[in-house]
Amino acid sequence: MSALFRLTSRAVALQRSAALNQAATLRACRSINTSPKKDETVAAPASVTTEDFANPSPKNWMSYGFDYKSEAEDRKATKSTFFVAVTLCLVWGTFYWAYLPDTQLRSWAQREGFLELRRREQAGLDLVSPDYVDKASIVLPSDEDLGDTEIII
């Protein structure tokens, strides 16, 4: 219990010292001044001519990488590419993949297993034949080899 008390008192002391260091840093930062030149600079608007109104250019246009000269062609190529990629490939591709036939024959093997179990039950046989593996091919350890080993069946 005393170790826990010492640990918490050390943690509180560390937090207090960190808070004091942070306050000292803030006091040092507040004394930094900027130059008065920022108030002296003025941005003059560019003169607008009649040509600018006659030929408006898109402001701040960034190409998607399909066409660097025409914004309309760039947008059209972007939209068609994403339509093909998302709609045709992802949506229809997933639909096609989901309904592919069973290539690993998992369903067939399970159906055959159920049919064999039903046949054996109706015939009155064991579900798994005790002679499935030839008893002569199985090599078991002797009682001397087993010793005191516990056998759980």
C-alpha atoms as a PDB file:
ATOM      1  CA  MET A   1       0.000   0.000   0.000  1.00  0.00           C
ATOM      2  CA  SER A   2       2.828   2.380   0.825  1.00  0.00           C
ATOM      3  CA  ALA A   3       4.427   1.636  -2.565  1.00  0.00           C
ATOM      4  CA  LEU A   4       1.199   2.659  -4.275  1.00  0.00           C
ATOM      5  CA  PHE A   5       1.107   5.883  -2.232  1.00  0.00           C
ATOM      6  CA  ARG A   6       4.730   6.688  -3.194  1.00  0.00           C
ATOM      7  CA  LEU A   7       4.006   5.987  -6.862  1.00  0.00           C
ATOM      8  CA  THR A   8       0.994   8.305  -6.955  1.00  0.00           C
ATOM      9  CA  SER A   9       2.834  11.077  -5.081  1.00  0.00           C
ATOM     10  CA  ARG A  10       5.686  10.885  -7.613  1.00  0.00           C
ATOM     11  CA  ALA A  11       3.212  11.030 -10.493  1.00  0.00           C
ATOM     12  CA  VAL A  12       1.554  14.116  -9.007  1.00  0.00           C
ATOM     13  CA  ALA A  13       4.937  15.771  -8.507  1.00  0.00           C
ATOM     14  CA  LEU A  14       5.871  15.074 -12.134  1.00  0.00           C
ATOM     15  CA  GLN A  15       2.605  16.583 -13.349  1.00  0.00           C
ATOM     16  CA  ARG A  16       3.156  19.723 -11.266  1.00  0.00           C
ATOM     17  CA  SER A  17       6.691  20.181 -12.581  1.00  0.00           C
ATOM     18  CA  ALA A  18       5.503  19.692 -16.156  1.00  0.00           C
ATOM     19  CA  ALA A  19       2.797  22.331 -15.639  1.00  0.00           C
ATOM     20  CA  LEU A  20       5.349  24.803 -14.234  1.00  0.00           C
ATOM     21  CA  ASN A  21       7.702  24.214 -17.170  1.00  0.00           C
ATOM     22  CA  GLN A  22       4.837  24.756 -19.607  1.00  0.00           C
ATOM     23  CA  ALA A  23       3.854  28.029 -17.904  1.00  0.00           C
ATOM     24  CA  ALA A  24       7.463  29.272 -18.065  1.00  0.00           C
ATOM     25  CA  THR A  25       7.627  28.414 -21.762  1.00  0.00           C
ATOM     26  CA  LEU A  26       4.387  30.294 -22.447  1.00  0.00           C
ATOM     27  CA  ARG A  27       5.701  33.387 -20.656  1.00  0.00           C
ATOM     28  CA  ALA A  28       8.843  33.274 -22.810  1.00  0.00           C
ATOM     29  CA  CYS A  29       6.795  32.894 -25.996  1.00  0.00           C
ATOM     30  CA  ARG A  30       4.523  35.836 -25.230  1.00  0.00           C
ATOM     31  CA  SER A  31       7.389  38.276 -25.298  1.00  0.00           C
ATOM     32  CA  ILE A  32       8.202  37.613 -28.965  1.00  0.00           C
ATOM     33  CA  ASN A  33       7.127  40.489 -31.239  1.00  0.00           C
ATOM     34  CA  THR A  34       6.633  40.524 -34.988  1.00  0.00           C
ATOM     35  CA  SER A  35       7.899  43.195 -37.301  1.00  0.00           C
ATOM     36  CA  PRO A  36       5.608  46.137 -38.085  1.00  0.00           C
ATOM     37  CA  LYS A  37       6.078  45.572 -41.825  1.00  0.00           C
ATOM     38  CA  LYS A  38       2.981  43.405 -42.144  1.00  0.00           C
ATOM     39  CA  ASP A  39       0.797  46.473 -41.767  1.00  0.00           C
ATOM     40  CA  GLU A  40       2.722  48.386 -44.451  1.00  0.00           C
ATOM     41  CA  THR A  41       2.180  45.888 -47.313  1.00  0.00           C
ATOM     42  CA  VAL A  42      -0.882  46.383 -49.482  1.00  0.00           C
ATOM     43  CA  ALA A  43      -2.166  44.004 -52.137  1.00  0.00           C
ATOM     44  CA  ALA A  44      -3.244  45.972 -55.170  1.00  0.00           C
ATOM     45  CA  PRO A  45      -5.993  44.362 -57.244  1.00  0.00           C
ATOM     46  CA  ALA A  46      -5.030  43.485 -60.792  1.00  0.00           C
ATOM     47  CA  SER A  47      -6.572  45.624 -63.442  1.00  0.00           C
ATOM     48  CA  VAL A  48      -9.478  43.950 -65.231  1.00  0.00           C
ATOM     49  CA  THR A  49      -9.786  44.498 -68.949  1.00  0.00           C
ATOM     50  CA  THR A  50     -12.556  43.755 -71.431  1.00  0.00           C
ATOM     51  CA  GLU A  51     -10.510  40.799 -72.754  1.00  0.00           C
ATOM     52  CA  ASP A  52     -10.756  39.142 -69.342  1.00  0.00           C
ATOM     53  CA  PHE A  53     -14.553  39.308 -69.550  1.00  0.00           C
ATOM     54  CA  ALA A  54     -14.618  38.112 -73.147  1.00  0.00           C
ATOM     55  CA  ASN A  55     -12.366  35.078 -72.543  1.00  0.00           C
ATOM     56  CA  PRO A  56     -12.985  33.873 -69.010  1.00  0.00           C
ATOM     57  CA  SER A  57     -10.486  31.270 -67.884  1.00  0.00           C
ATOM     58  CA  PRO A  58     -11.313  28.886 -65.074  1.00  0.00           C
ATOM     59  CA  LYS A  59      -9.775  30.122 -61.898  1.00  0.00           C
ATOM     60  CA  ASN A  60      -7.705  27.668 -59.861  1.00  0.00           C
ATOM     61  CA  TRP A  61      -8.454  24.735 -62.175  1.00  0.00           C
ATOM     62  CA  MET A  62      -6.347  21.660 -61.421  1.00  0.00           C
ATOM     63  CA  SER A  63      -6.354  18.780 -63.855  1.00  0.00           C
ATOM     64  CA  TYR A  64      -7.174  15.233 -62.767  1.00  0.00           C
ATOM     65  CA  GLY A  65      -4.429  14.064 -65.113  1.00  0.00           C
ATOM     66  CA  PHE A  66      -6.502  13.034 -68.128  1.00  0.00           C
ATOM     67  CA  ASP A  67      -6.292  16.280 -70.134  1.00  0.00           C
ATOM     68  CA  TYR A  68      -4.071  19.215 -69.199  1.00  0.00           C
ATOM     69  CA  LYS A  69      -5.473  21.703 -71.707  1.00  0.00           C
ATOM     70  CA  SER A  70      -9.265  21.450 -71.531  1.00  0.00           C
ATOM     71  CA  GLU A  71     -11.204  21.368 -68.287  1.00  0.00           C
ATOM     72  CA  ALA A  72     -14.314  19.919 -69.976  1.00  0.00           C
ATOM     73  CA  GLU A  73     -12.371  17.049 -71.568  1.00  0.00           C
ATOM     74  CA  ASP A  74     -10.567  16.369 -68.291  1.00  0.00           C
ATOM     75  CA  ARG A  75     -13.841  16.165 -66.345  1.00  0.00           C
ATOM     76  CA  LYS A  76     -15.476  13.982 -69.020  1.00  0.00           C
ATOM     77  CA  ALA A  77     -12.536  11.546 -69.058  1.00  0.00           C
ATOM     78  CA  THR A  78     -12.491  11.450 -65.250  1.00  0.00           C
ATOM     79  CA  LYS A  79     -16.204  10.699 -64.948  1.00  0.00           C
ATOM     80  CA  SER A  80     -16.162   8.017 -67.646  1.00  0.00           C
ATOM     81  CA  THR A  81     -13.081   6.345 -66.148  1.00  0.00           C
ATOM     82  CA  PHE A  82     -14.602   6.216 -62.689  1.00  0.00           C
ATOM     83  CA  PHE A  83     -17.928   4.989 -64.085  1.00  0.00           C
ATOM     84  CA  VAL A  84     -16.174   2.098 -65.817  1.00  0.00           C
ATOM     85  CA  ALA A  85     -13.944   1.331 -62.836  1.00  0.00           C
ATOM     86  CA  VAL A  86     -16.600   1.459 -60.124  1.00  0.00           C
ATOM     87  CA  THR A  87     -19.814   0.434 -61.837  1.00  0.00           C
ATOM     88  CA  LEU A  88     -18.633  -2.055 -64.384  1.00  0.00           C
ATOM     89  CA  CYS A  89     -15.606  -3.557 -62.659  1.00  0.00           C
ATOM     90  CA  LEU A  90     -16.491  -3.446 -58.973  1.00  0.00           C
ATOM     91  CA  VAL A  91     -20.285  -3.819 -59.017  1.00  0.00           C
ATOM     92  CA  TRP A  92     -20.778  -6.139 -61.988  1.00  0.00           C
ATOM     93  CA  GLY A  93     -17.481  -7.921 -61.324  1.00  0.00           C
ATOM     94  CA  THR A  94     -18.552  -8.716 -57.762  1.00  0.00           C
ATOM     95  CA  PHE A  95     -21.965  -9.858 -58.995  1.00  0.00           C
ATOM     96  CA  TYR A  96     -20.311 -12.137 -61.571  1.00  0.00           C
ATOM     97  CA  TRP A  97     -17.820 -13.550 -59.026  1.00  0.00           C
ATOM     98  CA  ALA A  98     -20.582 -14.237 -56.480  1.00  0.00           C
ATOM     99  CA  TYR A  99     -22.551 -16.378 -58.926  1.00  0.00           C
ATOM    100  CA  LEU A 100     -19.674 -18.352 -60.424  1.00  0.00           C
ATOM    101  CA  PRO A 101     -20.137 -22.119 -60.319  1.00  0.00           C
ATOM    102  CA  ASP A 102     -18.530 -24.152 -57.519  1.00  0.00           C
ATOM    103  CA  THR A 103     -15.085 -24.810 -58.988  1.00  0.00           C
ATOM    104  CA  GLN A 104     -13.748 -26.580 -55.878  1.00  0.00           C
ATOM    105  CA  LEU A 105     -16.747 -28.976 -55.838  1.00  0.00           C
ATOM    106  CA  ARG A 106     -17.413 -28.278 -52.152  1.00  0.00           C
ATOM    107  CA  SER A 107     -21.180 -28.449 -52.572  1.00  0.00           C
ATOM    108  CA  TRP A 108     -20.912 -31.702 -54.533  1.00  0.00           C
ATOM    109  CA  ALA A 109     -18.789 -33.380 -51.853  1.00  0.00           C
ATOM    110  CA  GLN A 110     -21.197 -32.342 -49.094  1.00  0.00           C
ATOM    111  CA  ARG A 111     -24.214 -33.613 -51.076  1.00  0.00           C
ATOM    112  CA  GLU A 112     -22.480 -36.930 -51.725  1.00  0.00           C
ATOM    113  CA  GLY A 113     -21.652 -37.278 -48.010  1.00  0.00           C
ATOM    114  CA  PHE A 114     -25.284 -36.712 -47.000  1.00  0.00           C
ATOM    115  CA  LEU A 115     -26.478 -39.198 -49.645  1.00  0.00           C
ATOM    116  CA  GLU A 116     -24.034 -41.840 -48.390  1.00  0.00           C
ATOM    117  CA  LEU A 117     -25.110 -41.286 -44.753  1.00  0.00           C
ATOM    118  CA  ARG A 118     -28.783 -41.618 -45.726  1.00  0.00           C
ATOM    119  CA  ARG A 119     -28.035 -44.822 -47.686  1.00  0.00           C
ATOM    120  CA  ARG A 120     -26.165 -46.378 -44.732  1.00  0.00           C
ATOM    121  CA  GLU A 121     -28.929 -45.420 -42.249  1.00  0.00           C
ATOM    122  CA  GLN A 122     -31.641 -46.938 -44.461  1.00  0.00           C
ATOM    123  CA  ALA A 123     -29.587 -50.124 -44.946  1.00  0.00           C
ATOM    124  CA  GLY A 124     -29.029 -50.424 -41.171  1.00  0.00           C
ATOM    125  CA  LEU A 125     -25.220 -50.232 -41.492  1.00  0.00           C
ATOM    126  CA  ASP A 126     -22.768 -48.336 -39.293  1.00  0.00           C
ATOM    127  CA  LEU A 127     -22.248 -44.740 -40.399  1.00  0.00           C
ATOM    128  CA  VAL A 128     -18.515 -45.422 -40.673  1.00  0.00           C
ATOM    129  CA  SER A 129     -17.435 -48.997 -41.378  1.00  0.00           C
ATOM    130  CA  PRO A 130     -15.146 -50.512 -38.712  1.00  0.00           C
ATOM    131  CA  ASP A 131     -13.233 -52.222 -41.529  1.00  0.00           C
ATOM    132  CA  TYR A 132     -12.532 -48.927 -43.330  1.00  0.00           C
ATOM    133  CA  VAL A 133      -8.797 -49.426 -42.679  1.00  0.00           C
ATOM    134  CA  ASP A 134      -7.282 -52.921 -42.776  1.00  0.00           C
ATOM    135  CA  LYS A 135      -6.406 -53.966 -39.211  1.00  0.00           C
ATOM    136  CA  ALA A 136      -3.219 -55.696 -40.384  1.00  0.00           C
ATOM    137  CA  SER A 137      -1.811 -52.384 -41.650  1.00  0.00           C
ATOM    138  CA  ILE A 138      -2.147 -50.657 -38.250  1.00  0.00           C
ATOM    139  CA  VAL A 139       0.886 -50.957 -35.950  1.00  0.00           C
ATOM    140  CA  LEU A 140       0.072 -50.305 -32.288  1.00  0.00           C
ATOM    141  CA  PRO A 141       2.627 -50.063 -29.463  1.00  0.00           C
ATOM    142  CA  SER A 142       2.845 -52.960 -27.023  1.00  0.00           C
ATOM    143  CA  ASP A 143       1.907 -52.665 -23.345  1.00  0.00           C
ATOM    144  CA  GLU A 144       5.604 -52.594 -22.431  1.00  0.00           C
ATOM    145  CA  ASP A 145       6.176 -49.597 -24.752  1.00  0.00           C
ATOM    146  CA  LEU A 146       3.258 -47.726 -23.240  1.00  0.00           C
ATOM    147  CA  GLY A 147       4.376 -48.289 -19.647  1.00  0.00           C
ATOM    148  CA  ASP A 148       2.405 -46.110 -17.208  1.00  0.00           C
ATOM    149  CA  THR A 149       1.006 -43.797 -19.903  1.00  0.00           C
ATOM    150  CA  GLU A 150      -2.631 -42.983 -19.262  1.00  0.00           C
ATOM    151  CA  ILE A 151      -4.897 -43.965 -22.152  1.00  0.00           C
ATOM    152  CA  ILE A 152      -8.056 -41.931 -22.534  1.00  0.00           C
ATOM    153  CA  ILE A 153     -10.735 -43.308 -24.845  1.00  0.00           C
END
